Amino acid sequence: MKTATARWQDWASFTLGLWLALSPWIVGYTEHESATGNAVFLGLALALGCHFEAAFDESAPEWINLAAGLWLVIAPFVLGFSAVHVATANSIAVGSLVAVLAGSALSLDKEIGKLLHRRTADHSR
């Protein structure tokens, strides 16, 4: 069961997703199609995913959030918009925050803690 302390991470990620989806128009980089498309698609997916995730007790979607956050960090370089400084900074900042929030929520998951404990105990033998 997801703890109440993990739920705030869902809502913070939801807010970051909304920001990301709207940011091309707010900070003005709509002329760069790959940066805008990436921000809108991932922002809406993140916001919708976090909205539904907050309503349920599943922690598995946190892994998706972690992957999305890491993608956002490397996306400017992979998609070729690293020269668009505002879009790059936005993508890296939002991605970093989403990844940290997902990692924080995952660290509170008791099942993952048990799995990590078993793995470290197996390696220490």
C-alpha atoms as a PDB file:
ATOM      1  CA  MET A   1       0.000   0.000   0.000  1.00  0.00           C
ATOM      2  CA  LYS A   2       1.266   3.432  -0.900  1.00  0.00           C
ATOM      3  CA  THR A   3       1.908   5.648   2.086  1.00  0.00           C
ATOM      4  CA  ALA A   4       0.449   9.114   2.492  1.00  0.00           C
ATOM      5  CA  THR A   5       3.986  10.489   2.318  1.00  0.00           C
ATOM      6  CA  ALA A   6       4.404   8.982  -1.164  1.00  0.00           C
ATOM      7  CA  ARG A   7       1.186  10.598  -2.412  1.00  0.00           C
ATOM      8  CA  TRP A   8       2.630  14.102  -2.335  1.00  0.00           C
ATOM      9  CA  GLN A   9       5.265  12.967  -4.847  1.00  0.00           C
ATOM     10  CA  ASP A  10       2.462  11.935  -7.217  1.00  0.00           C
ATOM     11  CA  TRP A  11       0.843  15.354  -7.007  1.00  0.00           C
ATOM     12  CA  ALA A  12       4.172  17.150  -7.373  1.00  0.00           C
ATOM     13  CA  SER A  13       4.919  15.071 -10.493  1.00  0.00           C
ATOM     14  CA  PHE A  14       1.395  15.800 -11.766  1.00  0.00           C
ATOM     15  CA  THR A  15       2.071  19.536 -11.429  1.00  0.00           C
ATOM     16  CA  LEU A  16       5.445  19.173 -13.153  1.00  0.00           C
ATOM     17  CA  GLY A  17       3.733  17.290 -15.988  1.00  0.00           C
ATOM     18  CA  LEU A  18       1.225  20.095 -16.465  1.00  0.00           C
ATOM     19  CA  TRP A  19       4.019  22.653 -16.423  1.00  0.00           C
ATOM     20  CA  LEU A  20       6.004  20.657 -18.965  1.00  0.00           C
ATOM     21  CA  ALA A  21       3.005  20.343 -21.315  1.00  0.00           C
ATOM     22  CA  LEU A  22       2.313  24.089 -21.210  1.00  0.00           C
ATOM     23  CA  SER A  23       5.898  25.346 -20.992  1.00  0.00           C
ATOM     24  CA  PRO A  24       6.561  25.706 -24.744  1.00  0.00           C
ATOM     25  CA  TRP A  25       3.922  28.463 -24.845  1.00  0.00           C
ATOM     26  CA  ILE A  26       4.697  29.941 -21.431  1.00  0.00           C
ATOM     27  CA  VAL A  27       8.453  30.320 -21.920  1.00  0.00           C
ATOM     28  CA  GLY A  28       8.368  30.539 -25.713  1.00  0.00           C
ATOM     29  CA  TYR A  29      10.005  27.709 -27.581  1.00  0.00           C
ATOM     30  CA  THR A  30       7.094  26.516 -29.727  1.00  0.00           C
ATOM     31  CA  GLU A  31       9.076  27.179 -32.911  1.00  0.00           C
ATOM     32  CA  HIS A  32      11.229  24.120 -32.174  1.00  0.00           C
ATOM     33  CA  GLU A  33       9.010  21.156 -33.058  1.00  0.00           C
ATOM     34  CA  SER A  34      10.920  18.336 -31.369  1.00  0.00           C
ATOM     35  CA  ALA A  35      11.262  20.247 -28.095  1.00  0.00           C
ATOM     36  CA  THR A  36       7.580  21.216 -28.145  1.00  0.00           C
ATOM     37  CA  GLY A  37       6.374  17.751 -29.138  1.00  0.00           C
ATOM     38  CA  ASN A  38       8.492  16.080 -26.473  1.00  0.00           C
ATOM     39  CA  ALA A  39       7.332  18.516 -23.782  1.00  0.00           C
ATOM     40  CA  VAL A  40       3.641  18.256 -24.669  1.00  0.00           C
ATOM     41  CA  PHE A  41       3.577  14.474 -25.091  1.00  0.00           C
ATOM     42  CA  LEU A  42       5.617  13.655 -21.993  1.00  0.00           C
ATOM     43  CA  GLY A  43       3.993  16.394 -19.934  1.00  0.00           C
ATOM     44  CA  LEU A  44       0.472  15.155 -20.634  1.00  0.00           C
ATOM     45  CA  ALA A  45       1.484  11.507 -20.174  1.00  0.00           C
ATOM     46  CA  LEU A  46       3.175  12.335 -16.880  1.00  0.00           C
ATOM     47  CA  ALA A  47       0.263  14.411 -15.607  1.00  0.00           C
ATOM     48  CA  LEU A  48      -2.345  11.803 -16.557  1.00  0.00           C
ATOM     49  CA  GLY A  49      -0.249   8.933 -15.226  1.00  0.00           C
ATOM     50  CA  CYS A  50       0.378  10.695 -11.923  1.00  0.00           C
ATOM     51  CA  HIS A  51      -3.270  11.665 -11.576  1.00  0.00           C
ATOM     52  CA  PHE A  52      -4.415   8.065 -11.882  1.00  0.00           C
ATOM     53  CA  GLU A  53      -1.483   6.751  -9.877  1.00  0.00           C
ATOM     54  CA  ALA A  54      -2.404   8.998  -6.931  1.00  0.00           C
ATOM     55  CA  ALA A  55      -5.858   7.431  -6.874  1.00  0.00           C
ATOM     56  CA  PHE A  56      -4.517   3.880  -6.520  1.00  0.00           C
ATOM     57  CA  ASP A  57      -2.084   2.077  -4.269  1.00  0.00           C
ATOM     58  CA  GLU A  58       0.317   0.870  -6.952  1.00  0.00           C
ATOM     59  CA  SER A  59       3.960   1.850  -6.829  1.00  0.00           C
ATOM     60  CA  ALA A  60       4.986   0.189 -10.108  1.00  0.00           C
ATOM     61  CA  PRO A  61       4.234   3.367 -12.140  1.00  0.00           C
ATOM     62  CA  GLU A  62       7.009   5.115 -10.197  1.00  0.00           C
ATOM     63  CA  TRP A  63       9.444   3.149 -12.357  1.00  0.00           C
ATOM     64  CA  ILE A  64       7.808   4.699 -15.422  1.00  0.00           C
ATOM     65  CA  ASN A  65       8.135   8.146 -13.848  1.00  0.00           C
ATOM     66  CA  LEU A  66      11.797   7.447 -13.158  1.00  0.00           C
ATOM     67  CA  ALA A  67      12.348   6.443 -16.793  1.00  0.00           C
ATOM     68  CA  ALA A  68      10.432   9.509 -18.021  1.00  0.00           C
ATOM     69  CA  GLY A  69      12.543  11.761 -15.809  1.00  0.00           C
ATOM     70  CA  LEU A  70      15.763  10.252 -17.101  1.00  0.00           C
ATOM     71  CA  TRP A  71      14.507  10.578 -20.692  1.00  0.00           C
ATOM     72  CA  LEU A  72      13.758  14.260 -20.149  1.00  0.00           C
ATOM     73  CA  VAL A  73      17.339  14.794 -18.949  1.00  0.00           C
ATOM     74  CA  ILE A  74      18.856  13.288 -22.117  1.00  0.00           C
ATOM     75  CA  ALA A  75      16.122  14.274 -24.612  1.00  0.00           C
ATOM     76  CA  PRO A  76      17.668  17.629 -25.639  1.00  0.00           C
ATOM     77  CA  PHE A  77      20.807  15.836 -26.781  1.00  0.00           C
ATOM     78  CA  VAL A  78      19.058  12.853 -28.384  1.00  0.00           C
ATOM     79  CA  LEU A  79      16.369  14.912 -30.149  1.00  0.00           C
ATOM     80  CA  GLY A  80      18.770  17.681 -31.133  1.00  0.00           C
ATOM     81  CA  PHE A  81      17.361  20.700 -29.346  1.00  0.00           C
ATOM     82  CA  SER A  82      20.256  21.272 -26.946  1.00  0.00           C
ATOM     83  CA  ALA A  83      20.984  24.603 -28.705  1.00  0.00           C
ATOM     84  CA  VAL A  84      17.545  25.856 -27.577  1.00  0.00           C
ATOM     85  CA  HIS A  85      18.737  26.811 -24.095  1.00  0.00           C
ATOM     86  CA  VAL A  86      15.355  27.486 -22.479  1.00  0.00           C
ATOM     87  CA  ALA A  87      13.876  24.207 -23.730  1.00  0.00           C
ATOM     88  CA  THR A  88      17.004  22.297 -22.686  1.00  0.00           C
ATOM     89  CA  ALA A  89      17.089  23.810 -19.200  1.00  0.00           C
ATOM     90  CA  ASN A  90      13.370  23.166 -18.777  1.00  0.00           C
ATOM     91  CA  SER A  91      13.645  19.541 -19.901  1.00  0.00           C
ATOM     92  CA  ILE A  92      16.645  18.826 -17.676  1.00  0.00           C
ATOM     93  CA  ALA A  93      15.155  20.591 -14.639  1.00  0.00           C
ATOM     94  CA  VAL A  94      11.741  18.920 -14.909  1.00  0.00           C
ATOM     95  CA  GLY A  95      13.320  15.551 -15.699  1.00  0.00           C
ATOM     96  CA  SER A  96      15.644  15.768 -12.714  1.00  0.00           C
ATOM     97  CA  LEU A  97      12.816  16.690 -10.368  1.00  0.00           C
ATOM     98  CA  VAL A  98      10.546  13.922 -11.691  1.00  0.00           C
ATOM     99  CA  ALA A  99      13.340  11.346 -11.339  1.00  0.00           C
ATOM    100  CA  VAL A 100      14.113  12.471  -7.775  1.00  0.00           C
ATOM    101  CA  LEU A 101      10.420  12.369  -6.840  1.00  0.00           C
ATOM    102  CA  ALA A 102      10.053   8.872  -8.321  1.00  0.00           C
ATOM    103  CA  GLY A 103      13.181   7.692  -6.516  1.00  0.00           C
ATOM    104  CA  SER A 104      11.885   9.172  -3.281  1.00  0.00           C
ATOM    105  CA  ALA A 105       8.535   7.415  -3.656  1.00  0.00           C
ATOM    106  CA  LEU A 106      10.256   4.147  -4.557  1.00  0.00           C
ATOM    107  CA  SER A 107      12.464   4.396  -1.476  1.00  0.00           C
ATOM    108  CA  LEU A 108       9.310   4.406   0.655  1.00  0.00           C
ATOM    109  CA  ASP A 109       7.981   1.210  -0.940  1.00  0.00           C
ATOM    110  CA  LYS A 110       8.317  -1.598   1.619  1.00  0.00           C
ATOM    111  CA  GLU A 111       8.360  -4.342  -1.043  1.00  0.00           C
ATOM    112  CA  ILE A 112      11.313  -2.750  -2.797  1.00  0.00           C
ATOM    113  CA  GLY A 113      13.056  -2.411   0.556  1.00  0.00           C
ATOM    114  CA  LYS A 114      12.558  -6.123   1.223  1.00  0.00           C
ATOM    115  CA  LEU A 115      13.860  -6.998  -2.249  1.00  0.00           C
ATOM    116  CA  LEU A 116      16.959  -4.839  -1.813  1.00  0.00           C
ATOM    117  CA  HIS A 117      17.572  -6.314   1.639  1.00  0.00           C
ATOM    118  CA  ARG A 118      17.352  -9.867   0.232  1.00  0.00           C
ATOM    119  CA  ARG A 119      19.714  -9.003  -2.638  1.00  0.00           C
ATOM    120  CA  THR A 120      22.325  -7.451  -0.367  1.00  0.00           C
ATOM    121  CA  ALA A 121      22.037 -10.355   2.068  1.00  0.00           C
ATOM    122  CA  ASP A 122      22.551 -12.842  -0.806  1.00  0.00           C
ATOM    123  CA  HIS A 123      25.677 -10.992  -1.979  1.00  0.00           C
ATOM    124  CA  SER A 124      27.209 -10.848   1.481  1.00  0.00           C
ATOM    125  CA  ARG A 125      27.325 -14.633   1.790  1.00  0.00           C
END
